[in-house]
Amino acid sequence: MMNIVYFDLETKKSAEEVGGWENKHRMGFSFGVTYSTRDDRFRGYEEEDIPALISELRSADRIVGYNILGFDYSVLSPYTDVNLSALPTLDLMTYLHPILGFRPKLDSLAAATLKAGKTADGLKAIRWYREGNFASIALYCKEDVRITRDLHLYGCRNGFIYYTNRSNQAARVSVVW
C-alpha cells in the first residue's frame, strides 16, 4: 500500500513581522501535523520534534498538502539540510492555480466540495502560539490536514472537485491526482 502523508504547519510569526512573504523562512515553525495512510493516524509535531517530522516526510511515497511547495517547505527549510522540494510532493494549490487562473483558498474548496470550512486561520494560530495555547493550534492544524486529505481523496474518487468561481458560484474542475 502506498504511504501518502498529508502535511500542514503553523508559524510563530506573520509575513508582516518578518518583512514580507519573501521571508517565509524567517516565520518560525510553531506546530505541524501529518496524517499517514499507512498508519491511519494523525501525528502532531512541536519544534523539538522536527527531526521526526522530517523523517516521516522522507519515508512517504507521496506528500500531499496545500501550498506546501510555496509556503510550508520554505518555513521548514531552516530546520533541515534535506531538500524538501525534491521529495515526492503533490501541492493541491500549485496543481489548481494554472488550471483555474487564480490561487483558490483551501476554505473555498472545502466549502464547495466537502460542505465544510476551516475552523480558524494562520493569524489566529500565531496568536494561540503567543498565548501558549498549543492545544488550539494542534486542533486547527489537524483539521486543515483532515480537510486537505478529504479534498484529495474526493478528487481521486470522482475525478473532480468543486471551487467557488469569481462570480461566487460553485463550479467543477477536473483533477487527475
N, C-alpha and C. Protein backbone atom coordinates (compact mmCIF):
# COMPACT_ATOMS: atom_id res chain seq x y z
N MET A 1 0.85 -1.19 0.00
CA MET A 1 0.00 0.00 0.00
C MET A 1 0.89 1.25 0.00
N MET A 2 0.52 2.18 -0.83
CA MET A 2 1.25 3.44 -0.93
C MET A 2 1.04 4.26 0.35
N ASN A 3 2.13 4.81 0.88
CA ASN A 3 2.02 5.65 2.07
C ASN A 3 1.97 7.12 1.66
N ILE A 4 0.76 7.68 1.69
CA ILE A 4 0.59 9.11 1.43
C ILE A 4 0.60 9.81 2.79
N VAL A 5 1.42 10.84 2.90
CA VAL A 5 1.48 11.63 4.13
C VAL A 5 0.95 13.02 3.81
N TYR A 6 -0.14 13.39 4.46
CA TYR A 6 -0.72 14.73 4.34
C TYR A 6 -0.07 15.59 5.41
N PHE A 7 0.22 16.86 5.08
CA PHE A 7 1.03 17.68 5.97
C PHE A 7 0.60 19.14 5.96
N ASP A 8 0.65 19.75 7.13
CA ASP A 8 0.42 21.19 7.28
C ASP A 8 1.21 21.66 8.50
N LEU A 9 1.58 22.93 8.50
CA LEU A 9 2.25 23.51 9.66
C LEU A 9 1.73 24.90 9.94
N GLU A 10 2.00 25.36 11.14
CA GLU A 10 1.68 26.73 11.55
C GLU A 10 2.98 27.42 11.96
N THR A 11 2.94 28.76 11.97
CA THR A 11 4.16 29.53 12.22
C THR A 11 4.08 30.35 13.51
N LYS A 12 5.25 30.84 13.93
CA LYS A 12 5.36 31.70 15.11
C LYS A 12 5.10 33.16 14.78
N LYS A 13 5.42 33.55 13.54
CA LYS A 13 5.33 34.95 13.14
C LYS A 13 4.56 35.09 11.84
N SER A 14 4.03 36.28 11.62
CA SER A 14 3.31 36.58 10.38
C SER A 14 4.27 37.10 9.31
N ALA A 15 3.80 37.16 8.09
CA ALA A 15 4.60 37.72 6.99
C ALA A 15 4.99 39.16 7.30
N GLU A 16 4.06 39.91 7.85
CA GLU A 16 4.33 41.31 8.18
C GLU A 16 5.48 41.45 9.18
N GLU A 17 5.55 40.53 10.13
CA GLU A 17 6.59 40.60 11.17
C GLU A 17 7.99 40.25 10.66
N VAL A 18 8.08 39.54 9.53
CA VAL A 18 9.40 39.14 9.01
C VAL A 18 9.79 39.90 7.75
N GLY A 19 9.05 40.95 7.43
CA GLY A 19 9.40 41.78 6.29
C GLY A 19 8.81 41.34 4.97
N GLY A 20 7.75 40.55 5.01
CA GLY A 20 7.05 40.17 3.78
C GLY A 20 7.12 38.68 3.48
N TRP A 21 6.30 38.29 2.50
CA TRP A 21 6.18 36.87 2.15
C TRP A 21 7.47 36.28 1.59
N GLU A 22 8.36 37.10 1.07
CA GLU A 22 9.63 36.56 0.55
C GLU A 22 10.54 36.07 1.68
N ASN A 23 10.17 36.37 2.92
CA ASN A 23 10.95 35.93 4.08
C ASN A 23 10.24 34.84 4.88
N LYS A 24 9.49 34.00 4.20
CA LYS A 24 8.76 32.92 4.88
C LYS A 24 9.67 32.07 5.75
N HIS A 25 10.90 31.90 5.31
CA HIS A 25 11.87 31.07 6.04
C HIS A 25 12.19 31.64 7.43
N ARG A 26 11.77 32.87 7.69
CA ARG A 26 12.02 33.51 8.99
C ARG A 26 10.80 33.48 9.91
N MET A 27 9.71 32.89 9.46
CA MET A 27 8.47 32.89 10.24
C MET A 27 8.51 31.96 11.45
N GLY A 28 9.32 30.93 11.41
CA GLY A 28 9.45 30.00 12.54
C GLY A 28 8.34 28.97 12.59
N PHE A 29 8.71 27.77 12.89
CA PHE A 29 7.79 26.63 12.99
C PHE A 29 7.19 26.61 14.39
N SER A 30 5.87 26.64 14.51
CA SER A 30 5.25 26.51 15.84
C SER A 30 4.66 25.13 16.05
N PHE A 31 4.03 24.57 15.01
CA PHE A 31 3.40 23.25 15.16
C PHE A 31 3.11 22.68 13.79
N GLY A 32 3.21 21.37 13.66
CA GLY A 32 2.89 20.70 12.41
C GLY A 32 2.09 19.44 12.67
N VAL A 33 1.31 19.04 11.67
CA VAL A 33 0.52 17.81 11.77
C VAL A 33 0.67 17.03 10.48
N THR A 34 0.77 15.71 10.62
CA THR A 34 0.74 14.82 9.47
C THR A 34 -0.37 13.80 9.66
N TYR A 35 -0.79 13.25 8.54
CA TYR A 35 -1.67 12.08 8.56
C TYR A 35 -1.06 11.08 7.59
N SER A 36 -0.80 9.88 8.05
CA SER A 36 -0.21 8.82 7.23
C SER A 36 -1.27 7.81 6.85
N THR A 37 -1.38 7.51 5.55
CA THR A 37 -2.34 6.48 5.12
C THR A 37 -1.88 5.09 5.55
N ARG A 38 -0.58 4.89 5.66
CA ARG A 38 -0.07 3.59 6.09
C ARG A 38 -0.47 3.31 7.54
N ASP A 39 -0.32 4.31 8.39
CA ASP A 39 -0.60 4.14 9.82
C ASP A 39 -2.03 4.50 10.19
N ASP A 40 -2.74 5.17 9.28
CA ASP A 40 -4.11 5.63 9.52
C ASP A 40 -4.19 6.43 10.82
N ARG A 41 -3.26 7.39 10.95
CA ARG A 41 -3.30 8.22 12.15
C ARG A 41 -2.65 9.58 11.92
N PHE A 42 -3.12 10.52 12.73
CA PHE A 42 -2.56 11.87 12.75
C PHE A 42 -1.41 11.90 13.75
N ARG A 43 -0.41 12.73 13.46
CA ARG A 43 0.69 12.96 14.40
C ARG A 43 0.92 14.46 14.50
N GLY A 44 1.16 14.94 15.71
CA GLY A 44 1.48 16.34 15.93
C GLY A 44 2.95 16.50 16.25
N TYR A 45 3.52 17.61 15.80
CA TYR A 45 4.95 17.87 15.98
C TYR A 45 5.17 19.28 16.51
N GLU A 46 5.89 19.38 17.63
CA GLU A 46 6.35 20.67 18.12
C GLU A 46 7.74 20.91 17.56
N GLU A 47 8.30 22.08 17.81
CA GLU A 47 9.58 22.45 17.22
C GLU A 47 10.69 21.42 17.51
N GLU A 48 10.73 20.92 18.75
CA GLU A 48 11.78 19.95 19.09
C GLU A 48 11.59 18.59 18.40
N ASP A 49 10.41 18.38 17.79
CA ASP A 49 10.11 17.12 17.10
C ASP A 49 10.39 17.19 15.60
N ILE A 50 10.96 18.29 15.13
CA ILE A 50 11.17 18.45 13.68
C ILE A 50 11.99 17.32 13.06
N PRO A 51 13.03 16.79 13.70
CA PRO A 51 13.73 15.66 13.08
C PRO A 51 12.80 14.47 12.80
N ALA A 52 11.88 14.18 13.70
CA ALA A 52 10.92 13.09 13.48
C ALA A 52 9.95 13.45 12.35
N LEU A 53 9.55 14.71 12.26
CA LEU A 53 8.69 15.16 11.17
C LEU A 53 9.40 14.98 9.83
N ILE A 54 10.64 15.42 9.75
CA ILE A 54 11.41 15.28 8.50
C ILE A 54 11.54 13.80 8.13
N SER A 55 11.77 12.97 9.12
CA SER A 55 11.88 11.53 8.88
C SER A 55 10.58 10.97 8.31
N GLU A 56 9.45 11.40 8.86
CA GLU A 56 8.17 10.92 8.33
C GLU A 56 7.95 11.40 6.90
N LEU A 57 8.27 12.66 6.63
CA LEU A 57 8.12 13.17 5.27
C LEU A 57 9.01 12.41 4.29
N ARG A 58 10.23 12.12 4.69
CA ARG A 58 11.17 11.40 3.82
C ARG A 58 10.73 9.96 3.57
N SER A 59 9.98 9.38 4.50
CA SER A 59 9.54 7.99 4.35
C SER A 59 8.28 7.85 3.49
N ALA A 60 7.67 8.98 3.16
CA ALA A 60 6.41 8.94 2.39
C ALA A 60 6.65 8.59 0.93
N ASP A 61 5.72 7.84 0.36
CA ASP A 61 5.73 7.62 -1.08
C ASP A 61 5.30 8.89 -1.80
N ARG A 62 4.42 9.65 -1.13
CA ARG A 62 3.96 10.92 -1.66
C ARG A 62 3.51 11.78 -0.49
N ILE A 63 3.84 13.07 -0.56
CA ILE A 63 3.39 14.04 0.44
C ILE A 63 2.35 14.91 -0.25
N VAL A 64 1.22 15.10 0.41
CA VAL A 64 0.16 15.93 -0.15
C VAL A 64 -0.13 17.06 0.84
N GLY A 65 -0.23 18.27 0.31
CA GLY A 65 -0.55 19.41 1.15
C GLY A 65 -1.15 20.52 0.32
N TYR A 66 -1.41 21.62 0.98
CA TYR A 66 -2.00 22.78 0.31
C TYR A 66 -1.05 23.95 0.45
N ASN A 67 -0.45 24.35 -0.65
CA ASN A 67 0.56 25.41 -0.72
C ASN A 67 1.83 25.03 0.05
N ILE A 68 2.12 23.74 0.12
CA ILE A 68 3.33 23.33 0.85
C ILE A 68 4.60 23.64 0.07
N LEU A 69 4.55 23.60 -1.25
CA LEU A 69 5.75 23.95 -2.03
C LEU A 69 6.06 25.44 -1.90
N GLY A 70 5.03 26.26 -1.85
CA GLY A 70 5.23 27.70 -1.78
C GLY A 70 5.33 28.26 -0.38
N PHE A 71 4.94 27.48 0.63
CA PHE A 71 4.93 28.02 1.99
C PHE A 71 5.57 27.08 3.01
N ASP A 72 4.92 25.96 3.29
CA ASP A 72 5.35 25.08 4.39
C ASP A 72 6.81 24.64 4.27
N TYR A 73 7.23 24.23 3.08
CA TYR A 73 8.62 23.81 2.90
C TYR A 73 9.59 24.97 3.13
N SER A 74 9.19 26.18 2.75
CA SER A 74 10.05 27.35 2.99
C SER A 74 10.20 27.62 4.49
N VAL A 75 9.11 27.49 5.23
CA VAL A 75 9.16 27.70 6.68
C VAL A 75 10.03 26.63 7.34
N LEU A 76 9.92 25.40 6.86
CA LEU A 76 10.64 24.27 7.45
C LEU A 76 12.11 24.21 7.05
N SER A 77 12.47 24.84 5.94
CA SER A 77 13.83 24.71 5.39
C SER A 77 14.97 25.10 6.34
N PRO A 78 14.83 26.13 7.20
CA PRO A 78 15.95 26.45 8.09
C PRO A 78 16.24 25.37 9.14
N TYR A 79 15.34 24.43 9.31
CA TYR A 79 15.48 23.40 10.33
C TYR A 79 16.11 22.11 9.81
N THR A 80 16.42 22.05 8.51
CA THR A 80 16.93 20.81 7.94
C THR A 80 17.84 21.07 6.74
N ASP A 81 18.70 20.11 6.48
CA ASP A 81 19.53 20.16 5.27
C ASP A 81 18.87 19.42 4.12
N VAL A 82 17.76 18.74 4.39
CA VAL A 82 17.05 17.98 3.36
C VAL A 82 16.42 18.95 2.36
N ASN A 83 16.58 18.68 1.08
CA ASN A 83 15.93 19.48 0.04
C ASN A 83 14.48 19.03 -0.03
N LEU A 84 13.62 19.69 0.72
CA LEU A 84 12.22 19.27 0.84
C LEU A 84 11.49 19.30 -0.49
N SER A 85 11.79 20.28 -1.33
CA SER A 85 11.08 20.38 -2.62
C SER A 85 11.44 19.23 -3.56
N ALA A 86 12.49 18.47 -3.24
CA ALA A 86 12.84 17.30 -4.06
C ALA A 86 12.06 16.05 -3.63
N LEU A 87 11.36 16.12 -2.50
CA LEU A 87 10.56 14.99 -2.05
C LEU A 87 9.33 14.84 -2.96
N PRO A 88 8.80 13.62 -3.11
CA PRO A 88 7.63 13.42 -3.98
C PRO A 88 6.40 14.12 -3.39
N THR A 89 6.03 15.24 -3.96
CA THR A 89 5.02 16.12 -3.37
C THR A 89 3.93 16.47 -4.36
N LEU A 90 2.69 16.41 -3.89
CA LEU A 90 1.55 16.94 -4.63
C LEU A 90 1.03 18.12 -3.83
N ASP A 91 1.18 19.30 -4.38
CA ASP A 91 0.68 20.52 -3.76
C ASP A 91 -0.62 20.86 -4.48
N LEU A 92 -1.75 20.69 -3.79
CA LEU A 92 -3.05 20.87 -4.43
C LEU A 92 -3.23 22.29 -4.96
N MET A 93 -2.73 23.29 -4.22
CA MET A 93 -2.87 24.67 -4.69
C MET A 93 -2.04 24.91 -5.94
N THR A 94 -0.81 24.41 -5.94
CA THR A 94 0.06 24.56 -7.11
C THR A 94 -0.53 23.84 -8.32
N TYR A 95 -1.20 22.73 -8.09
CA TYR A 95 -1.85 21.98 -9.16
C TYR A 95 -3.02 22.79 -9.75
N LEU A 96 -3.83 23.39 -8.87
CA LEU A 96 -5.06 24.07 -9.31
C LEU A 96 -4.82 25.46 -9.89
N HIS A 97 -3.80 26.16 -9.41
CA HIS A 97 -3.57 27.55 -9.82
C HIS A 97 -3.52 27.73 -11.34
N PRO A 98 -2.69 26.99 -12.08
CA PRO A 98 -2.65 27.22 -13.53
C PRO A 98 -3.94 26.81 -14.26
N ILE A 99 -4.66 25.87 -13.70
CA ILE A 99 -5.92 25.43 -14.32
C ILE A 99 -7.00 26.50 -14.15
N LEU A 100 -7.10 27.04 -12.93
CA LEU A 100 -8.16 28.00 -12.62
C LEU A 100 -7.78 29.43 -12.96
N GLY A 101 -6.49 29.73 -13.02
CA GLY A 101 -6.05 31.09 -13.30
C GLY A 101 -5.99 31.97 -12.07
N PHE A 102 -6.21 31.40 -10.91
CA PHE A 102 -6.07 32.11 -9.64
C PHE A 102 -5.75 31.09 -8.55
N ARG A 103 -5.31 31.60 -7.41
CA ARG A 103 -4.93 30.72 -6.30
C ARG A 103 -6.14 30.54 -5.37
N PRO A 104 -6.84 29.43 -5.50
CA PRO A 104 -8.03 29.24 -4.66
C PRO A 104 -7.65 29.01 -3.20
N LYS A 105 -8.49 29.47 -2.32
CA LYS A 105 -8.27 29.25 -0.89
C LYS A 105 -8.77 27.85 -0.52
N LEU A 106 -8.05 27.22 0.39
CA LEU A 106 -8.45 25.90 0.86
C LEU A 106 -9.86 25.94 1.42
N ASP A 107 -10.18 26.99 2.15
CA ASP A 107 -11.51 27.12 2.74
C ASP A 107 -12.60 27.13 1.67
N SER A 108 -12.35 27.79 0.56
CA SER A 108 -13.31 27.86 -0.54
C SER A 108 -13.52 26.48 -1.16
N LEU A 109 -12.44 25.75 -1.38
CA LEU A 109 -12.54 24.40 -1.94
C LEU A 109 -13.27 23.46 -0.99
N ALA A 110 -12.95 23.57 0.30
CA ALA A 110 -13.59 22.72 1.31
C ALA A 110 -15.08 23.00 1.39
N ALA A 111 -15.45 24.27 1.36
CA ALA A 111 -16.87 24.63 1.43
C ALA A 111 -17.62 24.12 0.21
N ALA A 112 -17.05 24.31 -0.98
CA ALA A 112 -17.73 23.91 -2.21
C ALA A 112 -17.77 22.40 -2.39
N THR A 113 -16.71 21.70 -2.02
CA THR A 113 -16.61 20.26 -2.27
C THR A 113 -17.10 19.43 -1.10
N LEU A 114 -16.69 19.78 0.09
CA LEU A 114 -16.94 18.94 1.27
C LEU A 114 -18.05 19.48 2.16
N LYS A 115 -18.53 20.67 1.84
CA LYS A 115 -19.53 21.34 2.68
C LYS A 115 -19.00 21.50 4.11
N ALA A 116 -17.70 21.80 4.19
CA ALA A 116 -17.02 22.01 5.47
C ALA A 116 -16.13 23.22 5.33
N GLY A 117 -15.80 23.83 6.44
CA GLY A 117 -14.94 25.00 6.38
C GLY A 117 -13.81 24.92 7.38
N LYS A 118 -12.83 25.78 7.18
CA LYS A 118 -11.72 25.85 8.12
C LYS A 118 -12.23 26.40 9.45
N THR A 119 -11.56 26.01 10.52
CA THR A 119 -12.01 26.40 11.85
C THR A 119 -11.35 27.69 12.34
N ALA A 120 -10.28 28.12 11.69
CA ALA A 120 -9.57 29.34 12.09
C ALA A 120 -8.70 29.78 10.92
N ASP A 121 -7.67 30.58 11.20
CA ASP A 121 -6.72 30.97 10.15
C ASP A 121 -5.34 31.09 10.78
N GLY A 122 -4.34 31.29 9.92
CA GLY A 122 -2.96 31.34 10.38
C GLY A 122 -2.67 32.42 11.39
N LEU A 123 -3.32 33.58 11.26
CA LEU A 123 -3.08 34.66 12.22
C LEU A 123 -3.61 34.30 13.61
N LYS A 124 -4.74 33.61 13.64
CA LYS A 124 -5.27 33.16 14.93
C LYS A 124 -4.32 32.13 15.55
N ALA A 125 -3.74 31.26 14.71
CA ALA A 125 -2.79 30.26 15.21
C ALA A 125 -1.54 30.93 15.79
N ILE A 126 -1.10 32.02 15.18
CA ILE A 126 0.04 32.77 15.72
C ILE A 126 -0.32 33.36 17.08
N ARG A 127 -1.52 33.88 17.21
CA ARG A 127 -1.97 34.42 18.50
C ARG A 127 -2.00 33.30 19.56
N TRP A 128 -2.52 32.13 19.19
CA TRP A 128 -2.54 31.00 20.12
C TRP A 128 -1.12 30.61 20.53
N TYR A 129 -0.19 30.65 19.58
CA TYR A 129 1.20 30.32 19.90
C TYR A 129 1.73 31.27 20.97
N ARG A 130 1.48 32.54 20.81
CA ARG A 130 1.97 33.55 21.77
C ARG A 130 1.32 33.39 23.14
N GLU A 131 0.10 32.88 23.14
CA GLU A 131 -0.61 32.63 24.40
C GLU A 131 -0.22 31.29 25.02
N GLY A 132 0.57 30.50 24.30
CA GLY A 132 0.93 29.17 24.78
C GLY A 132 -0.19 28.16 24.64
N ASN A 133 -1.15 28.46 23.78
CA ASN A 133 -2.32 27.60 23.60
C ASN A 133 -2.07 26.57 22.48
N PHE A 134 -1.18 25.62 22.76
CA PHE A 134 -0.81 24.63 21.75
C PHE A 134 -1.95 23.67 21.42
N ALA A 135 -2.86 23.46 22.37
CA ALA A 135 -3.99 22.56 22.10
C ALA A 135 -4.85 23.11 20.96
N SER A 136 -5.09 24.41 20.96
CA SER A 136 -5.90 25.01 19.88
C SER A 136 -5.17 24.98 18.55
N ILE A 137 -3.85 25.23 18.57
CA ILE A 137 -3.06 25.16 17.34
C ILE A 137 -3.12 23.74 16.78
N ALA A 138 -2.94 22.76 17.66
CA ALA A 138 -2.95 21.36 17.23
C ALA A 138 -4.28 20.97 16.60
N LEU A 139 -5.38 21.38 17.22
CA LEU A 139 -6.70 21.05 16.67
C LEU A 139 -6.93 21.72 15.32
N TYR A 140 -6.55 22.98 15.21
CA TYR A 140 -6.71 23.72 13.96
C TYR A 140 -5.86 23.10 12.85
N CYS A 141 -4.61 22.82 13.15
CA CYS A 141 -3.70 22.26 12.15
C CYS A 141 -4.18 20.86 11.73
N LYS A 142 -4.63 20.07 12.68
CA LYS A 142 -5.16 18.73 12.37
C LYS A 142 -6.37 18.84 11.46
N GLU A 143 -7.23 19.81 11.73
CA GLU A 143 -8.42 19.99 10.89
C GLU A 143 -8.04 20.38 9.47
N ASP A 144 -7.03 21.23 9.30
CA ASP A 144 -6.56 21.58 7.96
C ASP A 144 -6.01 20.35 7.22
N VAL A 145 -5.29 19.50 7.94
CA VAL A 145 -4.78 18.26 7.33
C VAL A 145 -5.94 17.35 6.95
N ARG A 146 -6.95 17.24 7.82
CA ARG A 146 -8.12 16.41 7.51
C ARG A 146 -8.83 16.93 6.27
N ILE A 147 -9.02 18.25 6.19
CA ILE A 147 -9.68 18.84 5.02
C ILE A 147 -8.87 18.58 3.76
N THR A 148 -7.56 18.78 3.83
CA THR A 148 -6.70 18.53 2.67
C THR A 148 -6.79 17.07 2.24
N ARG A 149 -6.73 16.16 3.20
CA ARG A 149 -6.86 14.73 2.90
C ARG A 149 -8.20 14.43 2.23
N ASP A 150 -9.27 14.91 2.83
CA ASP A 150 -10.61 14.61 2.30
C ASP A 150 -10.82 15.22 0.92
N LEU A 151 -10.29 16.41 0.69
CA LEU A 151 -10.38 17.05 -0.62
C LEU A 151 -9.60 16.23 -1.66
N HIS A 152 -8.41 15.82 -1.31
CA HIS A 152 -7.59 15.00 -2.20
C HIS A 152 -8.29 13.68 -2.53
N LEU A 153 -8.81 13.01 -1.50
CA LEU A 153 -9.49 11.73 -1.72
C LEU A 153 -10.75 11.90 -2.56
N TYR A 154 -11.49 12.99 -2.35
CA TYR A 154 -12.67 13.27 -3.16
C TYR A 154 -12.27 13.38 -4.63
N GLY A 155 -11.22 14.13 -4.89
CA GLY A 155 -10.73 14.27 -6.26
C GLY A 155 -10.27 12.96 -6.86
N CYS A 156 -9.59 12.14 -6.06
CA CYS A 156 -9.13 10.82 -6.54
C CYS A 156 -10.32 9.93 -6.90
N ARG A 157 -11.34 9.94 -6.08
CA ARG A 157 -12.50 9.06 -6.29
C ARG A 157 -13.41 9.53 -7.43
N ASN A 158 -13.52 10.84 -7.58
CA ASN A 158 -14.51 11.39 -8.51
C ASN A 158 -13.92 12.01 -9.77
N GLY A 159 -12.63 12.31 -9.77
CA GLY A 159 -12.01 12.93 -10.93
C GLY A 159 -12.27 14.42 -11.04
N PHE A 160 -12.85 15.00 -10.01
CA PHE A 160 -13.11 16.44 -9.97
C PHE A 160 -13.32 16.87 -8.53
N ILE A 161 -13.21 18.18 -8.31
CA ILE A 161 -13.61 18.82 -7.06
C ILE A 161 -14.37 20.08 -7.44
N TYR A 162 -14.96 20.71 -6.46
CA TYR A 162 -15.67 21.96 -6.68
C TYR A 162 -14.86 23.12 -6.09
N TYR A 163 -15.05 24.28 -6.68
CA TYR A 163 -14.43 25.50 -6.17
C TYR A 163 -15.46 26.62 -6.32
N THR A 164 -15.21 27.74 -5.69
CA THR A 164 -16.06 28.91 -5.83
C THR A 164 -15.41 29.82 -6.86
N ASN A 165 -16.13 30.07 -7.96
CA ASN A 165 -15.54 30.89 -9.03
C ASN A 165 -15.64 32.38 -8.70
N ARG A 166 -15.18 33.20 -9.62
CA ARG A 166 -15.15 34.65 -9.37
C ARG A 166 -16.54 35.26 -9.30
N SER A 167 -17.53 34.55 -9.80
CA SER A 167 -18.92 35.00 -9.68
C SER A 167 -19.56 34.49 -8.40
N ASN A 168 -18.72 33.92 -7.53
CA ASN A 168 -19.16 33.38 -6.24
C ASN A 168 -20.14 32.22 -6.39
N GLN A 169 -19.95 31.44 -7.45
CA GLN A 169 -20.78 30.27 -7.69
C GLN A 169 -19.92 29.02 -7.64
N ALA A 170 -20.51 27.92 -7.20
CA ALA A 170 -19.79 26.65 -7.18
C ALA A 170 -19.59 26.18 -8.62
N ALA A 171 -18.38 25.79 -8.93
CA ALA A 171 -18.04 25.28 -10.26
C ALA A 171 -17.18 24.03 -10.08
N ARG A 172 -17.13 23.23 -11.12
CA ARG A 172 -16.42 21.96 -11.07
C ARG A 172 -15.11 22.06 -11.85
N VAL A 173 -14.05 21.45 -11.32
CA VAL A 173 -12.78 21.40 -12.03
C VAL A 173 -12.30 19.94 -12.01
N SER A 174 -11.90 19.46 -13.18
CA SER A 174 -11.38 18.09 -13.28
C SER A 174 -9.98 18.04 -12.68
N VAL A 175 -9.70 16.94 -11.99
CA VAL A 175 -8.37 16.73 -11.40
C VAL A 175 -7.91 15.30 -11.70
N VAL A 176 -6.62 15.15 -11.88
CA VAL A 176 -6.01 13.83 -12.05
C VAL A 176 -4.90 13.74 -11.02
N TRP A 177 -5.25 13.18 -9.88
CA TRP A 177 -4.30 13.08 -8.77
C TRP A 177 -3.89 11.64 -8.60
